[in-house]
Structures are given as structure tokens and as C-alpha cells.
Amino acid sequence: MDKNTFPKGNQGSADYFTGTAWVNILVPKDETGSYNIGNVVFEPGCRNNWHTHATDRSC
């Protein structure tokens, strides 16, 4: 049985992750293009690569 609240989504880009992560966009960018809402599932050993964002992020 899958323990995740949301489906895994698509495999995350190696530009942002070391290891395997799954990214599921729950709410796509609105007409302003200013935000979206997503869920990320990290497989064991996966880490974020250091990166920056042009706008604020909430975790």
C-alpha cells in the first residue's frame, strides 16, 4: 500500500536533486505566473541540490 497522501508525480530533474525525487504539481501556476503548489517525495538518500529561486518559497 502506498503511504503517500498524493501521487508521486514525475521524476524530479537532476538539476535540483541528487538521487530520486518525485514532483507532483497540485496547483499549476495561475494567470499571473507568480506561484504554484507542489508535493515532493524524496526516496531514501535523495537530497536537494543547492539552488536559488527568483521569488519566495514556502515549505
N, C-alpha and C. Protein backbone atom coordinates (compact mmCIF):
# COMPACT_ATOMS: atom_id res chain seq x y z
N MET A 1 0.84 -1.19 0.00
CA MET A 1 0.00 0.00 0.00
C MET A 1 0.88 1.25 0.00
N ASP A 2 0.53 2.23 -0.83
CA ASP A 2 1.27 3.49 -0.91
C ASP A 2 0.93 4.36 0.29
N LYS A 3 1.95 4.83 1.00
CA LYS A 3 1.75 5.65 2.20
C LYS A 3 1.66 7.13 1.89
N ASN A 4 1.85 7.53 0.64
CA ASN A 4 1.84 8.94 0.28
C ASN A 4 0.42 9.48 0.21
N THR A 5 0.25 10.72 0.66
CA THR A 5 -1.05 11.38 0.58
C THR A 5 -1.41 11.69 -0.86
N PHE A 6 -0.41 12.09 -1.65
CA PHE A 6 -0.61 12.45 -3.05
C PHE A 6 0.17 11.48 -3.94
N PRO A 7 -0.24 11.32 -5.19
CA PRO A 7 0.55 10.50 -6.12
C PRO A 7 1.96 11.07 -6.26
N LYS A 8 2.93 10.22 -6.61
CA LYS A 8 4.32 10.66 -6.71
C LYS A 8 4.53 11.74 -7.76
N GLY A 9 3.86 11.69 -8.87
CA GLY A 9 4.07 12.67 -9.93
C GLY A 9 5.20 12.25 -10.85
N ASN A 10 5.95 13.22 -11.34
CA ASN A 10 7.04 12.98 -12.30
C ASN A 10 8.38 13.03 -11.59
N GLN A 11 9.35 12.29 -12.14
CA GLN A 11 10.67 12.29 -11.53
C GLN A 11 11.27 13.69 -11.62
N GLY A 12 11.83 14.15 -10.50
CA GLY A 12 12.43 15.48 -10.44
C GLY A 12 13.72 15.56 -11.25
N SER A 13 14.03 16.75 -11.69
CA SER A 13 15.20 17.00 -12.52
C SER A 13 16.49 16.85 -11.72
N ALA A 14 17.50 16.28 -12.35
CA ALA A 14 18.83 16.16 -11.72
C ALA A 14 19.45 17.54 -11.47
N ASP A 15 18.89 18.59 -12.08
CA ASP A 15 19.35 19.95 -11.81
C ASP A 15 19.03 20.35 -10.37
N TYR A 16 18.04 19.72 -9.76
CA TYR A 16 17.58 20.10 -8.42
C TYR A 16 17.76 19.03 -7.36
N PHE A 17 17.99 17.78 -7.77
CA PHE A 17 18.05 16.67 -6.82
C PHE A 17 19.23 15.75 -7.08
N THR A 18 19.84 15.27 -6.01
CA THR A 18 20.83 14.21 -6.08
C THR A 18 20.12 12.96 -5.58
N GLY A 19 19.91 12.00 -6.44
CA GLY A 19 19.07 10.85 -6.11
C GLY A 19 17.72 11.02 -6.77
N THR A 20 16.77 10.22 -6.34
CA THR A 20 15.46 10.24 -6.99
C THR A 20 14.43 10.95 -6.12
N ALA A 21 13.78 11.94 -6.71
CA ALA A 21 12.68 12.65 -6.08
C ALA A 21 11.53 12.68 -7.09
N TRP A 22 10.33 12.73 -6.57
CA TRP A 22 9.13 12.77 -7.41
C TRP A 22 8.39 14.06 -7.12
N VAL A 23 8.03 14.79 -8.18
CA VAL A 23 7.39 16.10 -8.04
C VAL A 23 5.98 16.03 -8.63
N ASN A 24 5.00 16.38 -7.82
CA ASN A 24 3.61 16.39 -8.25
C ASN A 24 3.08 17.82 -8.08
N ILE A 25 2.80 18.50 -9.18
CA ILE A 25 2.25 19.85 -9.11
C ILE A 25 0.76 19.72 -8.79
N LEU A 26 0.37 20.23 -7.63
CA LEU A 26 -1.02 20.12 -7.18
C LEU A 26 -1.88 21.27 -7.71
N VAL A 27 -1.30 22.46 -7.75
CA VAL A 27 -1.99 23.64 -8.30
C VAL A 27 -1.02 24.31 -9.26
N PRO A 28 -1.31 24.29 -10.58
CA PRO A 28 -0.39 24.91 -11.53
C PRO A 28 -0.36 26.43 -11.37
N LYS A 29 0.65 27.03 -11.99
CA LYS A 29 0.75 28.49 -11.93
C LYS A 29 -0.55 29.13 -12.38
N ASP A 30 -0.94 30.19 -11.67
CA ASP A 30 -2.15 30.91 -12.05
C ASP A 30 -1.84 31.85 -13.21
N GLU A 31 -2.82 32.66 -13.60
CA GLU A 31 -2.65 33.54 -14.75
C GLU A 31 -1.55 34.59 -14.54
N THR A 32 -1.21 34.87 -13.29
CA THR A 32 -0.12 35.82 -13.03
C THR A 32 1.24 35.14 -13.14
N GLY A 33 1.26 33.81 -13.11
CA GLY A 33 2.51 33.07 -13.18
C GLY A 33 3.37 33.23 -11.94
N SER A 34 2.75 33.66 -10.84
CA SER A 34 3.54 34.00 -9.66
C SER A 34 3.72 32.85 -8.68
N TYR A 35 2.93 31.80 -8.78
CA TYR A 35 3.10 30.69 -7.84
C TYR A 35 2.49 29.42 -8.37
N ASN A 36 2.92 28.30 -7.81
CA ASN A 36 2.26 27.02 -7.98
C ASN A 36 2.44 26.27 -6.67
N ILE A 37 1.71 25.20 -6.51
CA ILE A 37 1.78 24.40 -5.29
C ILE A 37 2.11 22.97 -5.70
N GLY A 38 3.13 22.40 -5.08
CA GLY A 38 3.53 21.05 -5.42
C GLY A 38 3.88 20.23 -4.20
N ASN A 39 3.94 18.94 -4.39
CA ASN A 39 4.35 17.99 -3.37
C ASN A 39 5.56 17.23 -3.90
N VAL A 40 6.59 17.10 -3.06
CA VAL A 40 7.81 16.40 -3.46
C VAL A 40 8.01 15.20 -2.54
N VAL A 41 8.24 14.04 -3.14
CA VAL A 41 8.53 12.81 -2.40
C VAL A 41 10.00 12.48 -2.64
N PHE A 42 10.77 12.34 -1.55
CA PHE A 42 12.19 12.01 -1.63
C PHE A 42 12.37 10.52 -1.35
N GLU A 43 13.03 9.81 -2.27
CA GLU A 43 13.38 8.43 -1.99
C GLU A 43 14.57 8.42 -1.03
N PRO A 44 14.78 7.32 -0.30
CA PRO A 44 15.89 7.27 0.66
C PRO A 44 17.22 7.67 0.01
N GLY A 45 17.94 8.56 0.68
CA GLY A 45 19.23 9.02 0.21
C GLY A 45 19.18 10.21 -0.73
N CYS A 46 18.00 10.61 -1.18
CA CYS A 46 17.86 11.75 -2.08
C CYS A 46 18.06 13.05 -1.31
N ARG A 47 18.71 14.00 -1.96
CA ARG A 47 18.93 15.32 -1.37
C ARG A 47 18.67 16.39 -2.42
N ASN A 48 18.28 17.59 -1.95
CA ASN A 48 18.19 18.75 -2.84
C ASN A 48 19.58 19.19 -3.22
N ASN A 49 19.79 19.55 -4.49
CA ASN A 49 20.99 20.27 -4.87
C ASN A 49 20.80 21.71 -4.44
N TRP A 50 21.88 22.38 -4.06
CA TRP A 50 21.77 23.79 -3.71
C TRP A 50 21.33 24.55 -4.93
N HIS A 51 20.31 25.39 -4.77
CA HIS A 51 19.82 26.22 -5.86
C HIS A 51 19.08 27.41 -5.27
N THR A 52 18.76 28.37 -6.11
CA THR A 52 18.04 29.55 -5.66
C THR A 52 16.75 29.68 -6.46
N HIS A 53 15.86 30.51 -5.94
CA HIS A 53 14.60 30.80 -6.61
C HIS A 53 14.48 32.31 -6.78
N ALA A 54 13.91 32.73 -7.89
CA ALA A 54 13.76 34.16 -8.16
C ALA A 54 12.75 34.81 -7.22
N THR A 55 11.82 34.02 -6.68
CA THR A 55 10.81 34.55 -5.76
C THR A 55 10.79 33.72 -4.50
N ASP A 56 10.01 34.14 -3.52
CA ASP A 56 9.93 33.42 -2.23
C ASP A 56 9.35 32.02 -2.40
N ARG A 57 9.71 31.14 -1.46
CA ARG A 57 9.18 29.78 -1.41
C ARG A 57 8.72 29.51 0.01
N SER A 58 7.68 28.72 0.16
CA SER A 58 7.21 28.26 1.46
C SER A 58 7.28 26.75 1.48
N CYS A 59 7.77 26.23 2.59
CA CYS A 59 7.86 24.77 2.74
C CYS A 59 6.94 24.31 3.84
